[in-house]
Structure formats: C-alpha cells, structure tokens
Amino acid sequence: MQIGYIGTGNIGEPMAASILEAGYSMVVYDIAEGNAQRLLERGAQWGNSPAEVAAKCDIIFSCLPGPIEMEDVVLGPQGILEGIRRGSVYIDQTTNSPELVQRVHGLLKERGAEMLDAPVSGGREGALIRDLLVVVGGEEAVFQKCRPLLEAIGERVYHAGGIGAGCICKITHNTAVFCTDMAMAECWTLAVKAGVAPEVIVDVFRNAALGRMSNLNMRLPDTYFRGDFEPRFALKIARKDLGLATEMSRTYNVPMRLAELCEQEYMEAMGRGWEGRDSSIVLTLQEERAGVQVRL
C-alpha cells in the first residue's frame, strides 16, 4: 500500500514520519520542498504536485493551514481531484470548514473515491511522540479500513460520525479552549492586581476543581448532561460568587468582560426563579437559544 502525504509542516511532518516508521511506503509533497527533507532522507519519495501524489497512492493525507489551502490542494490546478484513482481514500487532517469537507467529499464520490476528515488534538509536541487524539468523520467502513494508519499517527483514535464530524468536534473544542484561556486571564489579572502572587493563583487553579476538570468529568455528568438540577452547588451561591468577582474587578479597575456576560446569564436564570436549583441550570439558557439539548 502506497501512502501520500501533502503538507509536511510543523504537525504534518511528524505525523507523516509516524506513518513511515510503521512500515508504509510514502510519496510526499509540500509547497516548500525543504519541509519534506527529513521524510525524504527516511525513504519517502517526492511527488511534483498533489495530483501526482494522488495518482501514485492508495490513501492520501493532507495537513494544511486552513480551508483556502485545502481547497486549492484538492480542487485547484494539479490538485488531488485531477489525479485520484477510483477506490482511493483521501484523509484531510486540516482543521477545516465542515461545509467544504462535505462538498469535497461529494466531488470525490463522483470520481469513485472516499474521504475522511481527521483533525488531531495535541499539537506538534503530541505529534512527535504519537500523543494525539485523532477525531474522524466519515463512513464507518472507510474509517475501519484506514484505522491502522490513523493509529500509527495517534494513540487515541475516535470515530465521531459522518463526514465533517471530525472538524465540527475540533472547531468547537478549540473554541472552548480559547474562551477558557481568556476567562482564566481575566481572573488571574484580577487576583494579581488584588495582591496574590502569579505563581500562587496559577497553582491554585491547577489544583482546584478547574485544573482537575471536576465539572466536565464529575459534576456536569450528574446534573446538566442528565437534565437533573437538584442542587449540588446552588445557583444563588454561584451568582453570589460572580457578584463578588465583578465587584472586586471594579475596585481594582480590572476589566472582566467575560465574567460580566456570565453574570448577566446568572441574573436571567435567577429571574426565572431557579435560585435554589443547581447552578448548571444556567446552561439551559443557551440550549433554548440554540434550539437543541445536550443530554448523555
């Protein structure tokens, strides 16, 4: 089986190297040939274009900066679509637009080829040691066919659903990470300006409920994910804590836009008479707006 890899940058190069180390032969392409040098030294062959890589390979991977680059690599001149063979599989590891992934999937289907979207979580550091989560969207049979290759890349491989599901999971996860980072920065700057040493407040966060992921792994599975809002941590107590934080932010002149938005949500929930319910009931306000429930 011949494997193609297109996009051998920071993350793509070590993932391609893991496939090589698993014993597969490989053809590689990158817009900057120097990015593939170490792979070529390990025995990979060079392809002169994405179309050439696709024409030579049974399974073709790509890992690219974003939707614009992926669309060009697949649909542009000398792109994958021009060279791909019937029965081949294209696996895109770009954190990508689900709509674009679904459109490309349809075009490949017309050529008799299959597609998976398989973005990863763990960054370059994880890619270097296979400590990655690979989240895959696509048909179950295609996923199972490609699973050994995906497991060569990351030690945790998860089939998330139909085509595009991998990207949906990756995008929403990353957004939660970025929003959490901003919320922590608000709280850290408040704590430091109020007189706590940076190393102390960061260590407290690491060792308290947030750092131990207690909400995601324990409290929310017992409350929000079940729709059971018998109080573990009452809404009125959480609202009190938020109020203390925003009051302190005004005292120390520290802007806390995310905390203020959160406080408004809790005030709306209080206005509905939920003060004695579990504080996670506030999350149902977002469910109402989205028109969907999150229940496990």
C-alpha atoms as a PDB file:
ATOM      1  CA  MET A   1       0.000   0.000   0.000  1.00  0.00           C
ATOM      2  CA  GLN A   2       1.371   3.394  -1.025  1.00  0.00           C
ATOM      3  CA  ILE A   3       0.571   6.388   1.190  1.00  0.00           C
ATOM      4  CA  GLY A   4       0.629  10.021   0.126  1.00  0.00           C
ATOM      5  CA  TYR A   5       1.177  12.942   2.469  1.00  0.00           C
ATOM      6  CA  ILE A   6       0.625  16.543   1.386  1.00  0.00           C
ATOM      7  CA  GLY A   7       1.545  19.338   3.787  1.00  0.00           C
ATOM      8  CA  THR A   8       4.652  18.435   5.774  1.00  0.00           C
ATOM      9  CA  GLY A   9       4.840  21.419   8.077  1.00  0.00           C
ATOM     10  CA  ASN A  10       5.049  21.616  11.877  1.00  0.00           C
ATOM     11  CA  ILE A  11       2.409  18.956  12.548  1.00  0.00           C
ATOM     12  CA  GLY A  12       2.179  17.189   9.205  1.00  0.00           C
ATOM     13  CA  GLU A  13       5.861  16.256   9.088  1.00  0.00           C
ATOM     14  CA  PRO A  14       5.941  14.300  12.384  1.00  0.00           C
ATOM     15  CA  MET A  15       2.610  12.626  11.575  1.00  0.00           C
ATOM     16  CA  ALA A  16       3.955  11.539   8.184  1.00  0.00           C
ATOM     17  CA  ALA A  17       7.118  10.316   9.943  1.00  0.00           C
ATOM     18  CA  SER A  18       4.989   8.133  12.243  1.00  0.00           C
ATOM     19  CA  ILE A  19       3.383   6.506   9.187  1.00  0.00           C
ATOM     20  CA  LEU A  20       6.824   5.857   7.685  1.00  0.00           C
ATOM     21  CA  GLU A  21       8.020   4.356  10.963  1.00  0.00           C
ATOM     22  CA  ALA A  22       5.028   1.999  10.897  1.00  0.00           C
ATOM     23  CA  GLY A  23       6.464   0.471   7.722  1.00  0.00           C
ATOM     24  CA  TYR A  24       4.444   2.110   4.942  1.00  0.00           C
ATOM     25  CA  SER A  25       5.935   3.470   1.731  1.00  0.00           C
ATOM     26  CA  MET A  26       5.165   7.121   1.087  1.00  0.00           C
ATOM     27  CA  VAL A  27       5.075   9.875  -1.517  1.00  0.00           C
ATOM     28  CA  VAL A  28       5.177  13.424  -0.116  1.00  0.00           C
ATOM     29  CA  TYR A  29       4.520  16.934  -1.362  1.00  0.00           C
ATOM     30  CA  ASP A  30       4.728  20.365   0.226  1.00  0.00           C
ATOM     31  CA  ILE A  31       4.707  23.852  -1.246  1.00  0.00           C
ATOM     32  CA  ALA A  32       8.172  24.232   0.364  1.00  0.00           C
ATOM     33  CA  GLU A  33      10.180  21.146  -0.582  1.00  0.00           C
ATOM     34  CA  GLY A  34      12.564  21.731   2.344  1.00  0.00           C
ATOM     35  CA  ASN A  35       9.779  20.888   4.780  1.00  0.00           C
ATOM     36  CA  ALA A  36       9.866  17.302   3.499  1.00  0.00           C
ATOM     37  CA  GLN A  37      13.651  16.870   3.628  1.00  0.00           C
ATOM     38  CA  ARG A  38      13.727  14.643   6.719  1.00  0.00           C
ATOM     39  CA  LEU A  39      10.988  12.442   5.289  1.00  0.00           C
ATOM     40  CA  LEU A  40      12.896  12.093   2.021  1.00  0.00           C
ATOM     41  CA  GLU A  41      16.010  11.134   3.979  1.00  0.00           C
ATOM     42  CA  ARG A  42      13.966   8.403   5.688  1.00  0.00           C
ATOM     43  CA  GLY A  43      12.922   6.890   2.370  1.00  0.00           C
ATOM     44  CA  ALA A  44       9.858   8.825   1.234  1.00  0.00           C
ATOM     45  CA  GLN A  45       9.570   9.705  -2.453  1.00  0.00           C
ATOM     46  CA  TRP A  46       8.853  13.196  -3.734  1.00  0.00           C
ATOM     47  CA  GLY A  47       5.718  13.996  -5.754  1.00  0.00           C
ATOM     48  CA  ASN A  48       5.784  17.032  -8.012  1.00  0.00           C
ATOM     49  CA  SER A  49       2.161  18.014  -7.343  1.00  0.00           C
ATOM     50  CA  PRO A  50      -0.867  16.940  -5.313  1.00  0.00           C
ATOM     51  CA  ALA A  51      -2.252  15.341  -8.491  1.00  0.00           C
ATOM     52  CA  GLU A  52       0.908  13.240  -8.892  1.00  0.00           C
ATOM     53  CA  VAL A  53       0.789  12.150  -5.253  1.00  0.00           C
ATOM     54  CA  ALA A  54      -2.864  11.151  -5.650  1.00  0.00           C
ATOM     55  CA  ALA A  55      -2.178   9.245  -8.859  1.00  0.00           C
ATOM     56  CA  LYS A  56       0.552   7.157  -7.187  1.00  0.00           C
ATOM     57  CA  CYS A  57      -1.125   6.422  -3.854  1.00  0.00           C
ATOM     58  CA  ASP A  58      -3.917   4.349  -2.364  1.00  0.00           C
ATOM     59  CA  ILE A  59      -4.504   6.632   0.623  1.00  0.00           C
ATOM     60  CA  ILE A  60      -3.664  10.336   0.515  1.00  0.00           C
ATOM     61  CA  PHE A  61      -3.346  12.514   3.610  1.00  0.00           C
ATOM     62  CA  SER A  62      -3.211  16.289   3.792  1.00  0.00           C
ATOM     63  CA  CYS A  63      -2.481  18.582   6.737  1.00  0.00           C
ATOM     64  CA  LEU A  64      -2.798  22.221   5.697  1.00  0.00           C
ATOM     65  CA  PRO A  65      -3.164  25.640   7.356  1.00  0.00           C
ATOM     66  CA  GLY A  66      -6.862  26.037   6.587  1.00  0.00           C
ATOM     67  CA  PRO A  67      -9.798  25.820   4.165  1.00  0.00           C
ATOM     68  CA  ILE A  68      -8.265  28.051   1.455  1.00  0.00           C
ATOM     69  CA  GLU A  69      -5.135  25.893   1.194  1.00  0.00           C
ATOM     70  CA  MET A  70      -7.081  22.630   1.346  1.00  0.00           C
ATOM     71  CA  GLU A  71      -9.484  23.729  -1.388  1.00  0.00           C
ATOM     72  CA  ASP A  72      -6.564  24.702  -3.629  1.00  0.00           C
ATOM     73  CA  VAL A  73      -4.705  21.433  -2.981  1.00  0.00           C
ATOM     74  CA  VAL A  74      -7.769  19.346  -3.801  1.00  0.00           C
ATOM     75  CA  LEU A  75      -9.677  21.345  -6.402  1.00  0.00           C
ATOM     76  CA  GLY A  76      -7.042  23.665  -7.890  1.00  0.00           C
ATOM     77  CA  PRO A  77      -4.806  23.071 -10.918  1.00  0.00           C
ATOM     78  CA  GLN A  78      -2.806  19.855 -10.480  1.00  0.00           C
ATOM     79  CA  GLY A  79      -4.919  19.159  -7.425  1.00  0.00           C
ATOM     80  CA  ILE A  80      -5.822  15.851  -5.814  1.00  0.00           C
ATOM     81  CA  LEU A  81      -9.122  15.627  -7.689  1.00  0.00           C
ATOM     82  CA  GLU A  82      -7.243  15.548 -11.026  1.00  0.00           C
ATOM     83  CA  GLY A  83      -5.094  12.587 -10.058  1.00  0.00           C
ATOM     84  CA  ILE A  84      -7.065  10.495  -7.568  1.00  0.00           C
ATOM     85  CA  ARG A  85      -7.842   6.921  -8.572  1.00  0.00           C
ATOM     86  CA  ARG A  86     -11.115   5.062  -8.146  1.00  0.00           C
ATOM     87  CA  GLY A  87     -11.087   3.199  -4.829  1.00  0.00           C
ATOM     88  CA  SER A  88      -8.573   5.543  -3.192  1.00  0.00           C
ATOM     89  CA  VAL A  89      -9.194   7.358   0.105  1.00  0.00           C
ATOM     90  CA  TYR A  90      -8.398  10.979   0.850  1.00  0.00           C
ATOM     91  CA  ILE A  91      -7.894  11.828   4.543  1.00  0.00           C
ATOM     92  CA  ASP A  92      -7.817  15.537   5.371  1.00  0.00           C
ATOM     93  CA  GLN A  93      -6.245  16.403   8.728  1.00  0.00           C
ATOM     94  CA  THR A  94      -6.724  20.150   8.329  1.00  0.00           C
ATOM     95  CA  THR A  95      -8.842  21.924  10.940  1.00  0.00           C
ATOM     96  CA  ASN A  96     -11.309  22.783   8.252  1.00  0.00           C
ATOM     97  CA  SER A  97     -14.751  24.091   7.332  1.00  0.00           C
ATOM     98  CA  PRO A  98     -17.247  21.195   7.658  1.00  0.00           C
ATOM     99  CA  GLU A  99     -19.174  22.581   4.672  1.00  0.00           C
ATOM    100  CA  LEU A 100     -16.052  22.495   2.476  1.00  0.00           C
ATOM    101  CA  VAL A 101     -15.221  18.990   3.680  1.00  0.00           C
ATOM    102  CA  GLN A 102     -18.714  17.798   2.755  1.00  0.00           C
ATOM    103  CA  ARG A 103     -18.506  19.441  -0.696  1.00  0.00           C
ATOM    104  CA  VAL A 104     -15.115  17.878  -1.440  1.00  0.00           C
ATOM    105  CA  HIS A 105     -16.424  14.522  -0.210  1.00  0.00           C
ATOM    106  CA  GLY A 106     -19.241  14.735  -2.759  1.00  0.00           C
ATOM    107  CA  LEU A 107     -16.871  15.561  -5.621  1.00  0.00           C
ATOM    108  CA  LEU A 108     -14.562  12.670  -4.694  1.00  0.00           C
ATOM    109  CA  LYS A 109     -17.537  10.311  -4.553  1.00  0.00           C
ATOM    110  CA  GLU A 110     -18.301  11.218  -8.158  1.00  0.00           C
ATOM    111  CA  ARG A 111     -14.766  10.036  -9.025  1.00  0.00           C
ATOM    112  CA  GLY A 112     -15.237   6.763  -7.127  1.00  0.00           C
ATOM    113  CA  ALA A 113     -13.006   7.802  -4.217  1.00  0.00           C
ATOM    114  CA  GLU A 114     -13.741   8.072  -0.491  1.00  0.00           C
ATOM    115  CA  MET A 115     -12.893  10.692   2.123  1.00  0.00           C
ATOM    116  CA  LEU A 116     -12.421  11.073   5.857  1.00  0.00           C
ATOM    117  CA  ASP A 117     -11.815  14.242   7.844  1.00  0.00           C
ATOM    118  CA  ALA A 118      -9.391  13.514  10.675  1.00  0.00           C
ATOM    119  CA  PRO A 119      -8.099  16.586  12.540  1.00  0.00           C
ATOM    120  CA  VAL A 120      -5.934  15.992  15.581  1.00  0.00           C
ATOM    121  CA  SER A 121      -5.587  17.449  19.064  1.00  0.00           C
ATOM    122  CA  GLY A 122      -2.206  17.571  20.764  1.00  0.00           C
ATOM    123  CA  GLY A 123      -0.112  19.929  18.643  1.00  0.00           C
ATOM    124  CA  ARG A 124       3.402  19.374  17.366  1.00  0.00           C
ATOM    125  CA  GLU A 125       4.555  18.156  20.767  1.00  0.00           C
ATOM    126  CA  GLY A 126       1.962  15.385  20.686  1.00  0.00           C
ATOM    127  CA  ALA A 127       2.645  14.578  17.025  1.00  0.00           C
ATOM    128  CA  LEU A 128       6.327  13.979  17.760  1.00  0.00           C
ATOM    129  CA  ILE A 129       5.520  11.217  20.265  1.00  0.00           C
ATOM    130  CA  ARG A 130       2.140   9.994  18.896  1.00  0.00           C
ATOM    131  CA  ASP A 131       0.346  11.514  21.889  1.00  0.00           C
ATOM    132  CA  LEU A 132      -2.562  12.719  19.751  1.00  0.00           C
ATOM    133  CA  LEU A 133      -6.318  12.389  19.671  1.00  0.00           C
ATOM    134  CA  VAL A 134      -7.423  11.790  16.069  1.00  0.00           C
ATOM    135  CA  VAL A 135     -11.106  12.710  15.644  1.00  0.00           C
ATOM    136  CA  VAL A 136     -12.534  11.199  12.466  1.00  0.00           C
ATOM    137  CA  GLY A 137     -15.608  11.916  10.382  1.00  0.00           C
ATOM    138  CA  GLY A 138     -16.800   9.678   7.552  1.00  0.00           C
ATOM    139  CA  GLU A 139     -18.384   6.350   6.742  1.00  0.00           C
ATOM    140  CA  GLU A 140     -17.765   3.572   9.247  1.00  0.00           C
ATOM    141  CA  ALA A 141     -16.429   1.120   6.647  1.00  0.00           C
ATOM    142  CA  VAL A 142     -13.920   3.663   5.320  1.00  0.00           C
ATOM    143  CA  PHE A 143     -12.872   4.516   8.868  1.00  0.00           C
ATOM    144  CA  GLN A 144     -12.240   0.872   9.713  1.00  0.00           C
ATOM    145  CA  LYS A 145     -10.239   0.397   6.506  1.00  0.00           C
ATOM    146  CA  CYS A 146      -7.968   3.314   7.424  1.00  0.00           C
ATOM    147  CA  ARG A 147      -7.855   2.755  11.175  1.00  0.00           C
ATOM    148  CA  PRO A 148      -4.383   1.118  11.282  1.00  0.00           C
ATOM    149  CA  LEU A 149      -2.915   4.169   9.542  1.00  0.00           C
ATOM    150  CA  LEU A 150      -4.715   6.566  11.859  1.00  0.00           C
ATOM    151  CA  GLU A 151      -3.474   4.588  14.867  1.00  0.00           C
ATOM    152  CA  ALA A 152       0.062   4.955  13.534  1.00  0.00           C
ATOM    153  CA  ILE A 153      -0.410   8.723  13.901  1.00  0.00           C
ATOM    154  CA  GLY A 154      -2.110   8.961  17.294  1.00  0.00           C
ATOM    155  CA  GLU A 155      -2.630   6.620  20.212  1.00  0.00           C
ATOM    156  CA  ARG A 156      -6.279   7.717  20.597  1.00  0.00           C
ATOM    157  CA  VAL A 157      -8.499   7.432  17.509  1.00  0.00           C
ATOM    158  CA  TYR A 158     -12.170   8.360  17.770  1.00  0.00           C
ATOM    159  CA  HIS A 159     -14.885   7.966  15.116  1.00  0.00           C
ATOM    160  CA  ALA A 160     -17.163  10.980  15.640  1.00  0.00           C
ATOM    161  CA  GLY A 161     -19.808  10.326  12.975  1.00  0.00           C
ATOM    162  CA  GLY A 162     -20.444  11.255   9.357  1.00  0.00           C
ATOM    163  CA  ILE A 163     -18.218  13.307   7.090  1.00  0.00           C
ATOM    164  CA  GLY A 164     -17.367  16.675   8.650  1.00  0.00           C
ATOM    165  CA  ALA A 165     -17.936  15.458  12.215  1.00  0.00           C
ATOM    166  CA  GLY A 166     -14.213  15.432  12.963  1.00  0.00           C
ATOM    167  CA  CYS A 167     -13.895  19.109  12.062  1.00  0.00           C
ATOM    168  CA  ILE A 168     -17.032  20.033  13.997  1.00  0.00           C
ATOM    169  CA  CYS A 169     -15.578  18.414  17.124  1.00  0.00           C
ATOM    170  CA  LYS A 170     -12.149  20.019  16.650  1.00  0.00           C
ATOM    171  CA  ILE A 171     -13.515  23.528  15.996  1.00  0.00           C
ATOM    172  CA  THR A 172     -15.870  23.512  18.966  1.00  0.00           C
ATOM    173  CA  HIS A 173     -13.234  22.028  21.278  1.00  0.00           C
ATOM    174  CA  ASN A 174     -10.639  24.626  20.299  1.00  0.00           C
ATOM    175  CA  THR A 175     -13.140  27.434  20.762  1.00  0.00           C
ATOM    176  CA  ALA A 176     -13.861  26.212  24.288  1.00  0.00           C
ATOM    177  CA  VAL A 177     -10.110  26.173  24.983  1.00  0.00           C
ATOM    178  CA  PHE A 178      -9.630  29.728  23.705  1.00  0.00           C
ATOM    179  CA  CYS A 179     -12.628  31.048  25.664  1.00  0.00           C
ATOM    180  CA  THR A 180     -11.447  29.292  28.831  1.00  0.00           C
ATOM    181  CA  ASP A 181      -7.972  30.793  28.418  1.00  0.00           C
ATOM    182  CA  MET A 182      -9.488  34.271  28.166  1.00  0.00           C
ATOM    183  CA  ALA A 183     -11.660  33.680  31.234  1.00  0.00           C
ATOM    184  CA  MET A 184      -8.644  32.470  33.219  1.00  0.00           C
ATOM    185  CA  ALA A 185      -6.628  35.501  32.118  1.00  0.00           C
ATOM    186  CA  GLU A 186      -9.395  37.770  33.432  1.00  0.00           C
ATOM    187  CA  CYS A 187      -9.326  36.008  36.783  1.00  0.00           C
ATOM    188  CA  TRP A 188      -5.528  35.825  37.020  1.00  0.00           C
ATOM    189  CA  THR A 189      -5.072  39.529  36.300  1.00  0.00           C
ATOM    190  CA  LEU A 190      -7.691  40.337  38.934  1.00  0.00           C
ATOM    191  CA  ALA A 191      -6.010  38.099  41.509  1.00  0.00           C
ATOM    192  CA  VAL A 192      -2.535  39.528  40.829  1.00  0.00           C
ATOM    193  CA  LYS A 193      -3.732  43.120  40.907  1.00  0.00           C
ATOM    194  CA  ALA A 194      -5.523  42.366  44.182  1.00  0.00           C
ATOM    195  CA  GLY A 195      -2.236  41.178  45.694  1.00  0.00           C
ATOM    196  CA  VAL A 196      -1.814  37.428  45.057  1.00  0.00           C
ATOM    197  CA  ALA A 197       1.467  36.248  43.510  1.00  0.00           C
ATOM    198  CA  PRO A 198       1.127  34.867  39.958  1.00  0.00           C
ATOM    199  CA  GLU A 199       2.664  31.507  40.853  1.00  0.00           C
ATOM    200  CA  VAL A 200       0.185  31.147  43.711  1.00  0.00           C
ATOM    201  CA  ILE A 201      -3.002  31.820  41.744  1.00  0.00           C
ATOM    202  CA  VAL A 202      -1.907  29.620  38.841  1.00  0.00           C
ATOM    203  CA  ASP A 203      -1.072  26.794  41.250  1.00  0.00           C
ATOM    204  CA  VAL A 204      -4.456  27.184  42.940  1.00  0.00           C
ATOM    205  CA  PHE A 205      -6.172  26.873  39.547  1.00  0.00           C
ATOM    206  CA  ARG A 206      -4.149  23.763  38.715  1.00  0.00           C
ATOM    207  CA  ASN A 207      -5.085  22.047  41.963  1.00  0.00           C
ATOM    208  CA  ALA A 208      -8.702  23.208  42.341  1.00  0.00           C
ATOM    209  CA  ALA A 209     -11.807  21.994  40.505  1.00  0.00           C
ATOM    210  CA  LEU A 210     -10.965  23.694  37.191  1.00  0.00           C
ATOM    211  CA  GLY A 211      -7.477  22.221  36.886  1.00  0.00           C
ATOM    212  CA  ARG A 212      -8.742  18.773  37.817  1.00  0.00           C
ATOM    213  CA  MET A 213     -11.602  19.015  35.284  1.00  0.00           C
ATOM    214  CA  SER A 214     -14.103  18.176  38.022  1.00  0.00           C
ATOM    215  CA  ASN A 215     -17.001  19.905  36.294  1.00  0.00           C
ATOM    216  CA  LEU A 216     -16.608  18.105  32.968  1.00  0.00           C
ATOM    217  CA  ASN A 217     -15.803  14.703  34.438  1.00  0.00           C
ATOM    218  CA  MET A 218     -17.975  14.619  37.575  1.00  0.00           C
ATOM    219  CA  ARG A 219     -20.445  17.433  38.297  1.00  0.00           C
ATOM    220  CA  LEU A 220     -21.931  18.069  34.851  1.00  0.00           C
ATOM    221  CA  PRO A 221     -22.454  14.340  34.105  1.00  0.00           C
ATOM    222  CA  ASP A 222     -24.570  14.194  37.285  1.00  0.00           C
ATOM    223  CA  THR A 223     -26.525  17.381  36.585  1.00  0.00           C
ATOM    224  CA  TYR A 224     -26.640  19.158  33.218  1.00  0.00           C
ATOM    225  CA  PHE A 225     -25.966  16.146  30.984  1.00  0.00           C
ATOM    226  CA  ARG A 226     -28.839  14.305  32.710  1.00  0.00           C
ATOM    227  CA  GLY A 227     -31.191  17.268  32.987  1.00  0.00           C
ATOM    228  CA  ASP A 228     -31.136  16.772  36.773  1.00  0.00           C
ATOM    229  CA  PHE A 229     -30.869  20.126  38.548  1.00  0.00           C
ATOM    230  CA  GLU A 230     -31.264  19.058  42.142  1.00  0.00           C
ATOM    231  CA  PRO A 231     -28.773  21.363  43.853  1.00  0.00           C
ATOM    232  CA  ARG A 232     -25.164  20.274  44.281  1.00  0.00           C
ATOM    233  CA  PHE A 233     -23.942  23.869  44.048  1.00  0.00           C
ATOM    234  CA  ALA A 234     -26.919  26.189  44.153  1.00  0.00           C
ATOM    235  CA  LEU A 235     -27.412  28.884  41.537  1.00  0.00           C
ATOM    236  CA  LYS A 236     -27.831  31.589  44.170  1.00  0.00           C
ATOM    237  CA  ILE A 237     -24.410  30.734  45.646  1.00  0.00           C
ATOM    238  CA  ALA A 238     -22.755  30.786  42.226  1.00  0.00           C
ATOM    239  CA  ARG A 239     -24.423  34.128  41.478  1.00  0.00           C
ATOM    240  CA  LYS A 240     -23.066  35.471  44.769  1.00  0.00           C
ATOM    241  CA  ASP A 241     -19.516  34.375  43.819  1.00  0.00           C
ATOM    242  CA  LEU A 242     -19.764  36.015  40.406  1.00  0.00           C
ATOM    243  CA  GLY A 243     -21.024  39.203  42.020  1.00  0.00           C
ATOM    244  CA  LEU A 244     -18.062  39.257  44.377  1.00  0.00           C
ATOM    245  CA  ALA A 245     -15.700  38.883  41.415  1.00  0.00           C
ATOM    246  CA  THR A 246     -17.231  41.684  39.346  1.00  0.00           C
ATOM    247  CA  GLU A 247     -17.378  43.920  42.432  1.00  0.00           C
ATOM    248  CA  MET A 248     -13.691  43.260  43.071  1.00  0.00           C
ATOM    249  CA  SER A 249     -12.920  43.943  39.397  1.00  0.00           C
ATOM    250  CA  ARG A 250     -14.411  47.415  39.760  1.00  0.00           C
ATOM    251  CA  THR A 251     -12.449  48.027  42.948  1.00  0.00           C
ATOM    252  CA  TYR A 252      -9.146  47.175  41.254  1.00  0.00           C
ATOM    253  CA  ASN A 253     -10.072  48.581  37.828  1.00  0.00           C
ATOM    254  CA  VAL A 254      -9.671  45.233  36.031  1.00  0.00           C
ATOM    255  CA  PRO A 255     -11.940  44.729  33.003  1.00  0.00           C
ATOM    256  CA  MET A 256     -13.766  41.367  33.068  1.00  0.00           C
ATOM    257  CA  ARG A 257     -15.986  41.265  30.011  1.00  0.00           C
ATOM    258  CA  LEU A 258     -16.495  37.502  30.037  1.00  0.00           C
ATOM    259  CA  ALA A 259     -17.303  37.473  33.738  1.00  0.00           C
ATOM    260  CA  GLU A 260     -19.810  40.281  33.287  1.00  0.00           C
ATOM    261  CA  LEU A 261     -21.517  38.382  30.456  1.00  0.00           C
ATOM    262  CA  CYS A 262     -21.607  35.283  32.642  1.00  0.00           C
ATOM    263  CA  GLU A 263     -23.084  37.326  35.491  1.00  0.00           C
ATOM    264  CA  GLN A 264     -25.874  38.546  33.206  1.00  0.00           C
ATOM    265  CA  GLU A 265     -26.729  34.940  32.349  1.00  0.00           C
ATOM    266  CA  TYR A 266     -26.902  34.015  36.025  1.00  0.00           C
ATOM    267  CA  MET A 267     -29.100  37.024  36.739  1.00  0.00           C
ATOM    268  CA  GLU A 268     -31.505  35.914  33.988  1.00  0.00           C
ATOM    269  CA  ALA A 269     -31.608  32.424  35.484  1.00  0.00           C
ATOM    270  CA  MET A 270     -32.258  33.899  38.923  1.00  0.00           C
ATOM    271  CA  GLY A 271     -35.084  35.928  37.424  1.00  0.00           C
ATOM    272  CA  ARG A 272     -36.750  32.705  36.350  1.00  0.00           C
ATOM    273  CA  GLY A 273     -36.920  31.564  39.941  1.00  0.00           C
ATOM    274  CA  TRP A 274     -34.130  28.998  39.685  1.00  0.00           C
ATOM    275  CA  GLU A 275     -32.066  30.275  42.618  1.00  0.00           C
ATOM    276  CA  GLY A 276     -32.449  27.009  44.550  1.00  0.00           C
ATOM    277  CA  ARG A 277     -31.614  24.761  41.587  1.00  0.00           C
ATOM    278  CA  ASP A 278     -28.143  23.528  40.669  1.00  0.00           C
ATOM    279  CA  SER A 279     -26.087  26.293  39.093  1.00  0.00           C
ATOM    280  CA  SER A 280     -25.632  24.224  35.923  1.00  0.00           C
ATOM    281  CA  ILE A 281     -29.253  25.020  35.061  1.00  0.00           C
ATOM    282  CA  VAL A 282     -27.959  28.333  33.714  1.00  0.00           C
ATOM    283  CA  LEU A 283     -26.577  26.369  30.738  1.00  0.00           C
ATOM    284  CA  THR A 284     -30.130  25.611  29.602  1.00  0.00           C
ATOM    285  CA  LEU A 285     -30.481  29.257  28.558  1.00  0.00           C
ATOM    286  CA  GLN A 286     -28.022  28.559  25.741  1.00  0.00           C
ATOM    287  CA  GLU A 287     -29.927  25.394  24.848  1.00  0.00           C
ATOM    288  CA  GLU A 288     -33.122  27.443  24.485  1.00  0.00           C
ATOM    289  CA  ARG A 289     -31.415  29.899  22.131  1.00  0.00           C
ATOM    290  CA  ALA A 290     -29.798  27.136  20.083  1.00  0.00           C
ATOM    291  CA  GLY A 291     -32.951  25.017  19.913  1.00  0.00           C
ATOM    292  CA  VAL A 292     -31.144  21.849  20.990  1.00  0.00           C
ATOM    293  CA  GLN A 293     -30.436  19.957  24.215  1.00  0.00           C
ATOM    294  CA  VAL A 294     -27.145  18.335  25.261  1.00  0.00           C
ATOM    295  CA  ARG A 295     -28.043  15.161  27.162  1.00  0.00           C
ATOM    296  CA  LEU A 296     -25.965  11.998  27.505  1.00  0.00           C
END
